[in-house]
Amino acid sequence: MAKIFLFDWGGTLMVNPPHMQGKMCNWEHVEAISGAHDTLVTLSKNGCKLYVATGAADSSEADIKAAFERVGLDGYISDFFCQSNLGIGKGTAAYYKAIIEVLGVDANEVTMVGDILHRDIEPAIEAGLNAIWYTPDISVAEMNGDYQQIIHLSELCEL
């Protein structure tokens, strides 16, 4: 398994309620996903490089980092990739290829972890990355055999 991880932001590392609008860094309440802190700590201690790859079009890199600071996850993230610093929106293979170019690594050295199949997983695979679909709301019996899936972030530490 690759030692470089890209994580989606909302719904994967931080709670993203559908009724909330605007920049997460300005919300009254922000919250990390259960298990996110311990998972990032363990992966970091094991020498993994951790990045965020988000589709949040209204947030800059500084806005995203500010939200991560509020929940204590910022210290584990090496960099934040978003539309404002890549010049391309998430959801296409080109987005992931742009990240690979910035990182200066081969696509197969990187694993994308995200909760939305058509925005996080399928385009990452199309770009040559490994991908793990985070599906906390389904049971093991419901898992899709076409994609590697986890239902708890801590499962990443076991791979």
C-alpha atoms as a PDB file:
ATOM      1  CA  MET A   1       0.000   0.000   0.000  1.00  0.00           C
ATOM      2  CA  ALA A   2       1.188   3.495  -0.819  1.00  0.00           C
ATOM      3  CA  LYS A   3       2.733   5.602   1.932  1.00  0.00           C
ATOM      4  CA  ILE A   4       1.205   8.807   0.535  1.00  0.00           C
ATOM      5  CA  PHE A   5      -2.445   9.442   1.331  1.00  0.00           C
ATOM      6  CA  LEU A   6      -4.815  12.051  -0.046  1.00  0.00           C
ATOM      7  CA  PHE A   7      -7.912  12.562   2.093  1.00  0.00           C
ATOM      8  CA  ASP A   8     -11.166  14.148   1.137  1.00  0.00           C
ATOM      9  CA  TRP A   9     -12.184  16.876   3.579  1.00  0.00           C
ATOM     10  CA  GLY A  10     -15.937  17.018   4.262  1.00  0.00           C
ATOM     11  CA  GLY A  11     -17.477  13.675   5.116  1.00  0.00           C
ATOM     12  CA  THR A  12     -14.106  11.932   5.355  1.00  0.00           C
ATOM     13  CA  LEU A  13     -11.980  13.832   7.893  1.00  0.00           C
ATOM     14  CA  MET A  14     -14.480  16.421   9.099  1.00  0.00           C
ATOM     15  CA  VAL A  15     -18.245  16.340   9.592  1.00  0.00           C
ATOM     16  CA  ASN A  16     -20.039  18.197   6.802  1.00  0.00           C
ATOM     17  CA  PRO A  17     -23.754  18.592   7.620  1.00  0.00           C
ATOM     18  CA  PRO A  18     -25.788  19.122   4.422  1.00  0.00           C
ATOM     19  CA  HIS A  19     -27.609  22.152   5.870  1.00  0.00           C
ATOM     20  CA  MET A  20     -24.390  24.117   6.503  1.00  0.00           C
ATOM     21  CA  GLN A  21     -23.409  26.793   3.994  1.00  0.00           C
ATOM     22  CA  GLY A  22     -20.285  28.882   3.399  1.00  0.00           C
ATOM     23  CA  LYS A  23     -16.726  28.310   4.510  1.00  0.00           C
ATOM     24  CA  MET A  24     -16.321  25.640   7.175  1.00  0.00           C
ATOM     25  CA  CYS A  25     -13.675  27.721   8.969  1.00  0.00           C
ATOM     26  CA  ASN A  26     -16.440  30.263   9.739  1.00  0.00           C
ATOM     27  CA  TRP A  27     -19.016  27.791  11.052  1.00  0.00           C
ATOM     28  CA  GLU A  28     -19.950  28.107  14.704  1.00  0.00           C
ATOM     29  CA  HIS A  29     -19.270  24.410  15.279  1.00  0.00           C
ATOM     30  CA  VAL A  30     -16.785  22.164  13.442  1.00  0.00           C
ATOM     31  CA  GLU A  31     -16.053  18.546  14.235  1.00  0.00           C
ATOM     32  CA  ALA A  32     -13.627  15.850  13.137  1.00  0.00           C
ATOM     33  CA  ILE A  33     -14.996  12.509  11.969  1.00  0.00           C
ATOM     34  CA  SER A  34     -14.831   9.847  14.669  1.00  0.00           C
ATOM     35  CA  GLY A  35     -11.424   8.196  14.558  1.00  0.00           C
ATOM     36  CA  ALA A  36      -9.824  10.827  12.296  1.00  0.00           C
ATOM     37  CA  HIS A  37      -7.356  12.127  14.875  1.00  0.00           C
ATOM     38  CA  ASP A  38      -6.109   8.700  15.987  1.00  0.00           C
ATOM     39  CA  THR A  39      -5.861   7.489  12.399  1.00  0.00           C
ATOM     40  CA  LEU A  40      -3.805  10.501  11.286  1.00  0.00           C
ATOM     41  CA  VAL A  41      -1.551  10.156  14.335  1.00  0.00           C
ATOM     42  CA  THR A  42      -0.898   6.468  13.598  1.00  0.00           C
ATOM     43  CA  LEU A  43      -0.313   6.972   9.877  1.00  0.00           C
ATOM     44  CA  SER A  44       2.059   9.880  10.587  1.00  0.00           C
ATOM     45  CA  LYS A  45       4.022   7.831  13.118  1.00  0.00           C
ATOM     46  CA  ASN A  46       4.342   5.098  10.494  1.00  0.00           C
ATOM     47  CA  GLY A  47       6.024   7.497   8.073  1.00  0.00           C
ATOM     48  CA  CYS A  48       3.063   8.218   5.826  1.00  0.00           C
ATOM     49  CA  LYS A  49       2.731  11.603   4.122  1.00  0.00           C
ATOM     50  CA  LEU A  50      -0.803  12.944   4.485  1.00  0.00           C
ATOM     51  CA  TYR A  51      -2.529  15.509   2.285  1.00  0.00           C
ATOM     52  CA  VAL A  52      -6.031  16.857   1.820  1.00  0.00           C
ATOM     53  CA  ALA A  53      -7.631  16.861  -1.632  1.00  0.00           C
ATOM     54  CA  THR A  54     -10.920  18.729  -1.473  1.00  0.00           C
ATOM     55  CA  GLY A  55     -13.563  19.930  -3.861  1.00  0.00           C
ATOM     56  CA  ALA A  56     -14.529  22.884  -1.650  1.00  0.00           C
ATOM     57  CA  ALA A  57     -14.686  25.589  -4.298  1.00  0.00           C
ATOM     58  CA  ASP A  58     -15.421  28.490  -1.942  1.00  0.00           C
ATOM     59  CA  SER A  59     -12.517  27.851   0.458  1.00  0.00           C
ATOM     60  CA  SER A  60      -8.888  28.806  -0.053  1.00  0.00           C
ATOM     61  CA  GLU A  61      -5.978  26.768   1.245  1.00  0.00           C
ATOM     62  CA  ALA A  62      -5.800  29.116   4.266  1.00  0.00           C
ATOM     63  CA  ASP A  63      -9.536  28.672   4.964  1.00  0.00           C
ATOM     64  CA  ILE A  64      -9.191  24.889   4.865  1.00  0.00           C
ATOM     65  CA  LYS A  65      -6.165  24.923   7.135  1.00  0.00           C
ATOM     66  CA  ALA A  66      -8.037  27.172   9.586  1.00  0.00           C
ATOM     67  CA  ALA A  67     -10.879  24.646   9.817  1.00  0.00           C
ATOM     68  CA  PHE A  68      -8.375  21.830  10.434  1.00  0.00           C
ATOM     69  CA  GLU A  69      -6.682  23.907  13.145  1.00  0.00           C
ATOM     70  CA  ARG A  70     -10.001  24.223  14.973  1.00  0.00           C
ATOM     71  CA  VAL A  71     -10.224  20.432  15.402  1.00  0.00           C
ATOM     72  CA  GLY A  72      -6.511  19.758  15.909  1.00  0.00           C
ATOM     73  CA  LEU A  73      -5.898  17.855  12.653  1.00  0.00           C
ATOM     74  CA  ASP A  74      -3.724  20.452  10.894  1.00  0.00           C
ATOM     75  CA  GLY A  75      -0.418  19.221  12.325  1.00  0.00           C
ATOM     76  CA  TYR A  76      -0.675  15.896  10.501  1.00  0.00           C
ATOM     77  CA  ILE A  77      -1.420  17.313   7.045  1.00  0.00           C
ATOM     78  CA  SER A  78       1.549  18.156   4.813  1.00  0.00           C
ATOM     79  CA  ASP A  79      -0.457  20.247   2.344  1.00  0.00           C
ATOM     80  CA  PHE A  80      -3.984  21.111   1.252  1.00  0.00           C
ATOM     81  CA  PHE A  81      -5.053  20.794  -2.402  1.00  0.00           C
ATOM     82  CA  CYS A  82      -8.125  22.657  -3.600  1.00  0.00           C
ATOM     83  CA  GLN A  83      -9.488  24.473  -6.616  1.00  0.00           C
ATOM     84  CA  SER A  84      -7.920  27.783  -5.572  1.00  0.00           C
ATOM     85  CA  ASN A  85      -4.350  26.466  -5.512  1.00  0.00           C
ATOM     86  CA  LEU A  86      -4.579  23.885  -8.315  1.00  0.00           C
ATOM     87  CA  GLY A  87      -6.680  25.904 -10.737  1.00  0.00           C
ATOM     88  CA  ILE A  88      -8.924  22.906 -11.384  1.00  0.00           C
ATOM     89  CA  GLY A  89     -11.988  21.547  -9.627  1.00  0.00           C
ATOM     90  CA  LYS A  90     -12.229  18.119  -8.053  1.00  0.00           C
ATOM     91  CA  GLY A  91     -14.097  15.262  -9.651  1.00  0.00           C
ATOM     92  CA  THR A  92     -11.925  14.560 -12.695  1.00  0.00           C
ATOM     93  CA  ALA A  93      -8.767  12.575 -13.347  1.00  0.00           C
ATOM     94  CA  ALA A  94      -7.094  15.878 -14.313  1.00  0.00           C
ATOM     95  CA  TYR A  95      -7.493  17.121 -10.713  1.00  0.00           C
ATOM     96  CA  TYR A  96      -5.602  14.122  -9.367  1.00  0.00           C
ATOM     97  CA  LYS A  97      -2.980  14.305 -12.109  1.00  0.00           C
ATOM     98  CA  ALA A  98      -2.335  17.934 -11.127  1.00  0.00           C
ATOM     99  CA  ILE A  99      -1.728  16.841  -7.516  1.00  0.00           C
ATOM    100  CA  ILE A 100       0.639  14.067  -8.644  1.00  0.00           C
ATOM    101  CA  GLU A 101       2.566  16.622 -10.685  1.00  0.00           C
ATOM    102  CA  VAL A 102       2.903  18.938  -7.669  1.00  0.00           C
ATOM    103  CA  LEU A 103       4.007  16.050  -5.451  1.00  0.00           C
ATOM    104  CA  GLY A 104       6.480  14.793  -8.061  1.00  0.00           C
ATOM    105  CA  VAL A 105       5.595  11.134  -7.503  1.00  0.00           C
ATOM    106  CA  ASP A 106       4.149   8.306  -9.546  1.00  0.00           C
ATOM    107  CA  ALA A 107       0.363   7.992  -9.344  1.00  0.00           C
ATOM    108  CA  ASN A 108       0.582   4.411  -8.067  1.00  0.00           C
ATOM    109  CA  GLU A 109       2.442   5.674  -4.961  1.00  0.00           C
ATOM    110  CA  VAL A 110      -0.638   7.610  -3.810  1.00  0.00           C
ATOM    111  CA  THR A 111      -3.880   6.417  -2.224  1.00  0.00           C
ATOM    112  CA  MET A 112      -6.986   8.604  -2.248  1.00  0.00           C
ATOM    113  CA  VAL A 113      -9.432   8.129   0.640  1.00  0.00           C
ATOM    114  CA  GLY A 114     -12.868   9.635   0.199  1.00  0.00           C
ATOM    115  CA  ASP A 115     -16.564   9.150   0.782  1.00  0.00           C
ATOM    116  CA  ILE A 116     -18.044  10.017  -2.623  1.00  0.00           C
ATOM    117  CA  LEU A 117     -17.572   7.396  -5.314  1.00  0.00           C
ATOM    118  CA  HIS A 118     -17.980   9.629  -8.394  1.00  0.00           C
ATOM    119  CA  ARG A 119     -15.882  12.563  -7.049  1.00  0.00           C
ATOM    120  CA  ASP A 120     -13.219  10.891  -4.919  1.00  0.00           C
ATOM    121  CA  ILE A 121     -12.747   7.295  -5.984  1.00  0.00           C
ATOM    122  CA  GLU A 122     -13.510   6.819  -9.676  1.00  0.00           C
ATOM    123  CA  PRO A 123     -11.526   9.840 -10.953  1.00  0.00           C
ATOM    124  CA  ALA A 124      -8.577   8.932  -8.700  1.00  0.00           C
ATOM    125  CA  ILE A 125      -8.517   5.404 -10.118  1.00  0.00           C
ATOM    126  CA  GLU A 126      -8.803   6.825 -13.647  1.00  0.00           C
ATOM    127  CA  ALA A 127      -5.715   8.960 -12.899  1.00  0.00           C
ATOM    128  CA  GLY A 128      -3.791   5.851 -11.812  1.00  0.00           C
ATOM    129  CA  LEU A 129      -4.006   6.316  -8.039  1.00  0.00           C
ATOM    130  CA  ASN A 130      -4.981   3.687  -5.523  1.00  0.00           C
ATOM    131  CA  ALA A 131      -8.297   4.506  -3.879  1.00  0.00           C
ATOM    132  CA  ILE A 132     -10.184   3.517  -0.761  1.00  0.00           C
ATOM    133  CA  TRP A 133     -13.863   4.319  -0.509  1.00  0.00           C
ATOM    134  CA  TYR A 134     -14.838   5.398   3.013  1.00  0.00           C
ATOM    135  CA  THR A 135     -18.411   4.200   3.516  1.00  0.00           C
ATOM    136  CA  PRO A 136     -19.267   4.539   7.221  1.00  0.00           C
ATOM    137  CA  ASP A 137     -23.011   4.310   6.710  1.00  0.00           C
ATOM    138  CA  ILE A 138     -23.143   0.812   5.239  1.00  0.00           C
ATOM    139  CA  SER A 139     -22.598  -2.615   6.708  1.00  0.00           C
ATOM    140  CA  VAL A 140     -19.880  -5.021   5.642  1.00  0.00           C
ATOM    141  CA  ALA A 141     -22.578  -7.113   3.933  1.00  0.00           C
ATOM    142  CA  GLU A 142     -23.517  -4.166   1.690  1.00  0.00           C
ATOM    143  CA  MET A 143     -19.970  -3.392   0.513  1.00  0.00           C
ATOM    144  CA  ASN A 144     -19.348  -3.089  -3.221  1.00  0.00           C
ATOM    145  CA  GLY A 145     -16.808  -5.675  -4.390  1.00  0.00           C
ATOM    146  CA  ASP A 146     -15.550  -3.428  -7.206  1.00  0.00           C
ATOM    147  CA  TYR A 147     -13.779  -1.020  -4.842  1.00  0.00           C
ATOM    148  CA  GLN A 148     -11.660  -1.306  -1.735  1.00  0.00           C
ATOM    149  CA  GLN A 149     -13.848   0.011   1.078  1.00  0.00           C
ATOM    150  CA  ILE A 150     -13.573   0.801   4.753  1.00  0.00           C
ATOM    151  CA  ILE A 151     -16.295   1.670   7.246  1.00  0.00           C
ATOM    152  CA  HIS A 152     -13.970   3.045   9.958  1.00  0.00           C
ATOM    153  CA  LEU A 153     -10.981   5.320   9.303  1.00  0.00           C
ATOM    154  CA  SER A 154      -8.929   3.210  11.723  1.00  0.00           C
ATOM    155  CA  GLU A 155      -8.998   0.406   9.152  1.00  0.00           C
ATOM    156  CA  LEU A 156      -6.390   2.397   7.178  1.00  0.00           C
ATOM    157  CA  CYS A 157      -3.882   1.655   9.933  1.00  0.00           C
ATOM    158  CA  GLU A 158      -4.366  -2.075   9.379  1.00  0.00           C
ATOM    159  CA  LEU A 159      -3.728  -2.055   5.619  1.00  0.00           C
END
